[in-house]
C-alpha atoms as a PDB file:
ATOM      1  CA  MET A   1       0.391  -0.160  -0.213  1.00  0.00           C
ATOM      2  CA  LYS A   2       3.295   2.336   0.884  1.00  0.00           C
ATOM      3  CA  GLY A   3       4.324   2.365  -2.333  1.00  0.00           C
ATOM      4  CA  ARG A   4       1.508   3.240  -3.680  1.00  0.00           C
ATOM      5  CA  ILE A   5       0.740   6.186  -1.960  1.00  0.00           C
ATOM      6  CA  ALA A   6       4.487   7.112  -3.429  1.00  0.00           C
ATOM      7  CA  ALA A   7       3.513   6.666  -6.898  1.00  0.00           C
ATOM      8  CA  GLY A   8       0.438   8.090  -7.050  1.00  0.00           C
ATOM      9  CA  GLY A   9       1.664  10.829  -5.017  1.00  0.00           C
ATOM     10  CA  GLY A  10       4.694  10.909  -8.163  1.00  0.00           C
ATOM     11  CA  VAL A  11       2.348  11.470 -10.957  1.00  0.00           C
ATOM     12  CA  LEU A  12       0.842  14.151  -9.012  1.00  0.00           C
ATOM     13  CA  ALA A  13       4.470  16.360  -8.624  1.00  0.00           C
ATOM     14  CA  LEU A  14       4.883  15.582 -12.412  1.00  0.00           C
ATOM     15  CA  ALA A  15       2.218  15.978 -13.515  1.00  0.00           C
ATOM     16  CA  ALA A  16       1.988  19.443 -12.124  1.00  0.00           C
ATOM     17  CA  GLY A  17       5.367  20.221 -12.985  1.00  0.00           C
ATOM     18  CA  LEU A  18       5.314  19.452 -16.691  1.00  0.00           C
ATOM     19  CA  ILE A  19       1.627  21.905 -16.144  1.00  0.00           C
ATOM     20  CA  SER A  20       2.590  24.334 -14.453  1.00  0.00           C
ATOM     21  CA  TYR A  21       5.085  25.110 -16.651  1.00  0.00           C
ATOM     22  CA  TYR A  22       3.600  24.898 -19.562  1.00  0.00           C
ATOM     23  CA  GLU A  23       0.193  26.689 -18.667  1.00  0.00           C
ATOM     24  CA  GLY A  24       2.438  29.369 -16.589  1.00  0.00           C
ATOM     25  CA  TYR A  25       1.244  31.025 -13.339  1.00  0.00           C
ATOM     26  CA  VAL A  26      -1.406  34.468 -14.108  1.00  0.00           C
ATOM     27  CA  PRO A  27      -3.401  35.266 -11.080  1.00  0.00           C
ATOM     28  CA  ARG A  28      -6.140  37.197 -12.931  1.00  0.00           C
ATOM     29  CA  GLY A  29      -8.491  36.068 -14.771  1.00  0.00           C
ATOM     30  CA  TYR A  30      -6.606  36.549 -19.361  1.00  0.00           C
ATOM     31  CA  ALA A  31      -7.584  34.921 -22.514  1.00  0.00           C
ATOM     32  CA  ASP A  32      -6.343  32.470 -23.269  1.00  0.00           C
ATOM     33  CA  PRO A  33      -4.874  32.404 -27.129  1.00  0.00           C
ATOM     34  CA  VAL A  34      -7.783  31.658 -29.064  1.00  0.00           C
ATOM     35  CA  GLY A  35      -9.423  33.220 -26.403  1.00  0.00           C
ATOM     36  CA  ILE A  36     -10.873  31.011 -23.719  1.00  0.00           C
ATOM     37  CA  PRO A  37     -11.250  32.726 -19.367  1.00  0.00           C
ATOM     38  CA  THR A  38      -8.387  31.542 -17.562  1.00  0.00           C
ATOM     39  CA  ALA A  39      -6.884  31.481 -15.233  1.00  0.00           C
ATOM     40  CA  CYS A  40      -4.107  30.581 -12.645  1.00  0.00           C
ATOM     41  CA  TYR A  41      -1.998  27.645 -14.057  1.00  0.00           C
ATOM     42  CA  GLY A  42      -4.503  27.701 -17.139  1.00  0.00           C
ATOM     43  CA  HIS A  43      -7.614  26.393 -15.208  1.00  0.00           C
ATOM     44  CA  THR A  44     -10.540  27.381 -17.089  1.00  0.00           C
ATOM     45  CA  GLY A  45     -14.223  27.013 -16.610  1.00  0.00           C
ATOM     46  CA  PRO A  46     -17.692  29.298 -16.183  1.00  0.00           C
ATOM     47  CA  GLU A  47     -16.249  30.378 -12.546  1.00  0.00           C
ATOM     48  CA  VAL A  48     -13.248  32.489 -14.950  1.00  0.00           C
ATOM     49  CA  ARG A  49     -14.106  36.780 -14.536  1.00  0.00           C
ATOM     50  CA  LEU A  50     -11.262  38.616 -17.154  1.00  0.00           C
ATOM     51  CA  GLY A  51      -9.250  40.288 -15.174  1.00  0.00           C
ATOM     52  CA  GLN A  52     -11.161  38.698 -11.471  1.00  0.00           C
ATOM     53  CA  LEU A  53      -7.377  38.439  -8.720  1.00  0.00           C
ATOM     54  CA  TYR A  54      -6.399  35.734  -7.750  1.00  0.00           C
ATOM     55  CA  THR A  55      -3.930  34.414  -4.740  1.00  0.00           C
ATOM     56  CA  LYS A  56      -1.314  32.710  -4.636  1.00  0.00           C
ATOM     57  CA  ALA A  57      -2.930  29.994  -2.395  1.00  0.00           C
ATOM     58  CA  GLN A  58      -6.069  29.703  -4.402  1.00  0.00           C
ATOM     59  CA  CYS A  59      -4.393  29.140  -7.965  1.00  0.00           C
ATOM     60  CA  ASP A  60      -3.006  26.152  -6.363  1.00  0.00           C
ATOM     61  CA  ALA A  61      -5.687  25.246  -4.907  1.00  0.00           C
ATOM     62  CA  LEU A  62      -6.973  25.325  -8.541  1.00  0.00           C
ATOM     63  CA  LEU A  63      -4.198  23.977  -9.884  1.00  0.00           C
ATOM     64  CA  THR A  64      -4.701  20.158  -7.157  1.00  0.00           C
ATOM     65  CA  GLN A  65      -7.958  20.186  -7.833  1.00  0.00           C
ATOM     66  CA  ASP A  66      -7.902  20.764 -11.570  1.00  0.00           C
ATOM     67  CA  ILE A  67      -5.033  17.661 -11.328  1.00  0.00           C
ATOM     68  CA  ARG A  68      -6.889  15.387  -9.428  1.00  0.00           C
ATOM     69  CA  ILE A  69      -9.676  15.734 -12.283  1.00  0.00           C
ATOM     70  CA  ALA A  70      -7.317  14.857 -15.142  1.00  0.00           C
ATOM     71  CA  GLN A  71      -5.667  12.081 -13.351  1.00  0.00           C
ATOM     72  CA  SER A  72      -9.539  10.937 -12.215  1.00  0.00           C
ATOM     73  CA  GLN A  73     -10.798  11.389 -16.402  1.00  0.00           C
ATOM     74  CA  VAL A  74      -7.299   9.515 -16.731  1.00  0.00           C
ATOM     75  CA  LYS A  75      -8.311   6.547 -14.870  1.00  0.00           C
ATOM     76  CA  ARG A  76     -11.877   6.390 -16.473  1.00  0.00           C
ATOM     77  CA  CYS A  77     -10.592   5.527 -19.502  1.00  0.00           C
ATOM     78  CA  ILE A  78      -7.348   4.203 -19.590  1.00  0.00           C
ATOM     79  CA  ARG A  79      -7.742   0.939 -17.787  1.00  0.00           C
ATOM     80  CA  VAL A  80      -4.061  -0.931 -18.374  1.00  0.00           C
ATOM     81  CA  PRO A  81      -1.727  -0.504 -16.275  1.00  0.00           C
ATOM     82  CA  LEU A  82       0.991   2.433 -16.772  1.00  0.00           C
ATOM     83  CA  LYS A  83       4.008   3.356 -14.862  1.00  0.00           C
ATOM     84  CA  PRO A  84       4.042   6.826 -13.162  1.00  0.00           C
ATOM     85  CA  HIS A  85       5.861   8.663 -16.053  1.00  0.00           C
ATOM     86  CA  GLU A  86       3.109   7.452 -18.473  1.00  0.00           C
ATOM     87  CA  GLU A  87       0.570   8.163 -16.882  1.00  0.00           C
ATOM     88  CA  ALA A  88       1.641  11.789 -15.650  1.00  0.00           C
ATOM     89  CA  ALA A  89       1.992  12.509 -19.326  1.00  0.00           C
ATOM     90  CA  LEU A  90      -1.790  11.019 -19.729  1.00  0.00           C
ATOM     91  CA  VAL A  91      -2.952  13.677 -16.661  1.00  0.00           C
ATOM     92  CA  SER A  92      -0.954  16.858 -18.259  1.00  0.00           C
ATOM     93  CA  PHE A  93      -2.190  15.754 -21.667  1.00  0.00           C
ATOM     94  CA  ALA A  94      -5.883  15.640 -20.215  1.00  0.00           C
ATOM     95  CA  PHE A  95      -5.518  18.893 -18.238  1.00  0.00           C
ATOM     96  CA  ASN A  96      -4.696  20.900 -21.150  1.00  0.00           C
ATOM     97  CA  VAL A  97      -7.435  19.367 -24.226  1.00  0.00           C
ATOM     98  CA  GLY A  98     -10.214  17.474 -21.704  1.00  0.00           C
ATOM     99  CA  GLY A  99     -10.562  13.495 -20.603  1.00  0.00           C
ATOM    100  CA  GLN A 100     -13.405  13.676 -22.987  1.00  0.00           C
ATOM    101  CA  ALA A 101     -11.151  14.418 -26.108  1.00  0.00           C
ATOM    102  CA  LEU A 102      -8.651  11.768 -24.255  1.00  0.00           C
ATOM    103  CA  CYS A 103     -11.061   8.839 -23.330  1.00  0.00           C
ATOM    104  CA  GLY A 104     -12.022   9.507 -27.793  1.00  0.00           C
ATOM    105  CA  SER A 105      -8.542   9.995 -28.539  1.00  0.00           C
ATOM    106  CA  THR A 106      -6.412   7.596 -30.823  1.00  0.00           C
ATOM    107  CA  LEU A 107      -4.631   7.451 -28.359  1.00  0.00           C
ATOM    108  CA  ALA A 108      -6.649   5.958 -25.641  1.00  0.00           C
ATOM    109  CA  LYS A 109      -7.507   3.009 -28.000  1.00  0.00           C
ATOM    110  CA  ARG A 110      -3.546   2.519 -28.498  1.00  0.00           C
ATOM    111  CA  ILE A 111      -2.292   2.804 -24.835  1.00  0.00           C
ATOM    112  CA  ASN A 112      -5.619   0.002 -23.698  1.00  0.00           C
ATOM    113  CA  ALA A 113      -4.841  -2.105 -26.652  1.00  0.00           C
ATOM    114  CA  GLY A 114      -0.593  -2.162 -25.928  1.00  0.00           C
ATOM    115  CA  GLN A 115       0.502   0.244 -27.791  1.00  0.00           C
ATOM    116  CA  LEU A 116       2.245   2.294 -26.221  1.00  0.00           C
ATOM    117  CA  PRO A 117       5.037   3.145 -28.585  1.00  0.00           C
ATOM    118  CA  SER A 118       2.033   4.610 -30.977  1.00  0.00           C
ATOM    119  CA  ALA A 119       0.119   6.116 -28.915  1.00  0.00           C
ATOM    120  CA  CYS A 120       2.612   8.184 -27.099  1.00  0.00           C
ATOM    121  CA  ALA A 121       3.705   9.341 -30.678  1.00  0.00           C
ATOM    122  CA  GLU A 122      -0.095  10.086 -31.376  1.00  0.00           C
ATOM    123  CA  MET A 123       0.716  13.299 -28.481  1.00  0.00           C
ATOM    124  CA  SER A 124       1.963  14.963 -31.681  1.00  0.00           C
ATOM    125  CA  LYS A 125      -0.937  15.219 -33.328  1.00  0.00           C
ATOM    126  CA  TRP A 126      -2.691  17.160 -30.444  1.00  0.00           C
ATOM    127  CA  ILE A 127      -1.013  21.073 -31.395  1.00  0.00           C
ATOM    128  CA  TYR A 128      -4.160  22.606 -32.504  1.00  0.00           C
ATOM    129  CA  SER A 129      -6.531  24.995 -30.372  1.00  0.00           C
ATOM    130  CA  ARG A 130      -9.377  25.876 -32.517  1.00  0.00           C
ATOM    131  CA  GLY A 131      -7.925  25.246 -35.879  1.00  0.00           C
ATOM    132  CA  LEU A 132      -4.807  27.013 -35.575  1.00  0.00           C
ATOM    133  CA  LYS A 133      -1.472  25.123 -34.956  1.00  0.00           C
ATOM    134  CA  LEU A 134      -0.068  26.740 -31.236  1.00  0.00           C
ATOM    135  CA  PRO A 135       4.413  27.280 -31.122  1.00  0.00           C
ATOM    136  CA  GLY A 136       3.099  26.398 -26.807  1.00  0.00           C
ATOM    137  CA  LEU A 137       2.186  23.006 -28.053  1.00  0.00           C
ATOM    138  CA  VAL A 138       3.819  21.905 -30.000  1.00  0.00           C
ATOM    139  CA  LYS A 139       6.563  22.139 -27.306  1.00  0.00           C
ATOM    140  CA  ARG A 140       3.862  21.078 -24.623  1.00  0.00           C
ATOM    141  CA  ARG A 141       2.812  17.655 -26.722  1.00  0.00           C
ATOM    142  CA  ALA A 142       6.934  17.139 -27.150  1.00  0.00           C
ATOM    143  CA  SER A 143       7.364  17.179 -23.295  1.00  0.00           C
ATOM    144  CA  GLU A 144       4.204  15.100 -22.549  1.00  0.00           C
ATOM    145  CA  ARG A 145       5.508  12.480 -25.539  1.00  0.00           C
ATOM    146  CA  ALA A 146       8.955  12.117 -24.290  1.00  0.00           C
ATOM    147  CA  MET A 147       7.604  11.690 -20.906  1.00  0.00           C
ATOM    148  CA  CYS A 148       4.882   8.904 -21.792  1.00  0.00           C
ATOM    149  CA  GLU A 149       8.039   7.194 -24.099  1.00  0.00           C
ATOM    150  CA  GLY A 150      10.198   7.184 -20.076  1.00  0.00           C
ATOM    151  CA  GLU A 151      12.737  10.000 -21.917  1.00  0.00           C
ATOM    152  CA  SER A 152      13.521  12.153 -18.540  1.00  0.00           C
ATOM    153  CA  ARG A 153      16.170  14.531 -20.295  1.00  0.00           C
ATOM    154  CA  GLY A 154      15.286  18.722 -21.992  1.00  0.00           C
ATOM    155  CA  LEU A 155      11.310  17.678 -20.821  1.00  0.00           C
ATOM    156  CA  ILE A 156      10.839  21.492 -20.230  1.00  0.00           C
END
């Protein structure tokens, strides 16, 4: 039981590092590159108001909440055992694209079919938002793919 708890904490720490790096810390409501109201570490939702200020504690709480939601979405649709770095990469991916998108993706189908290398490669295709290729997504997906594949150098 102890090892499982430690591994779970490792997943959250790995995912939080990746997510916070690529989302950045902005303690106010702002429009992301495609106009979605966003705050803190990439938090979105109907309660986010442009210009609204957030404390560091509020942002940290939102990040933890959002990561746990993304992790539960990964656990809901991925039915095979994952190593901590694989799960963390998928949590970061689900945080960014949404659990529904992950669960309906070729990426998820391949992981569940035991085709991990080709599943990780699928991440590289998810670099568009509302039809726009975003350089930040290219870099993020390269890091998520590297983490998924077990690489530890050059993740961010």
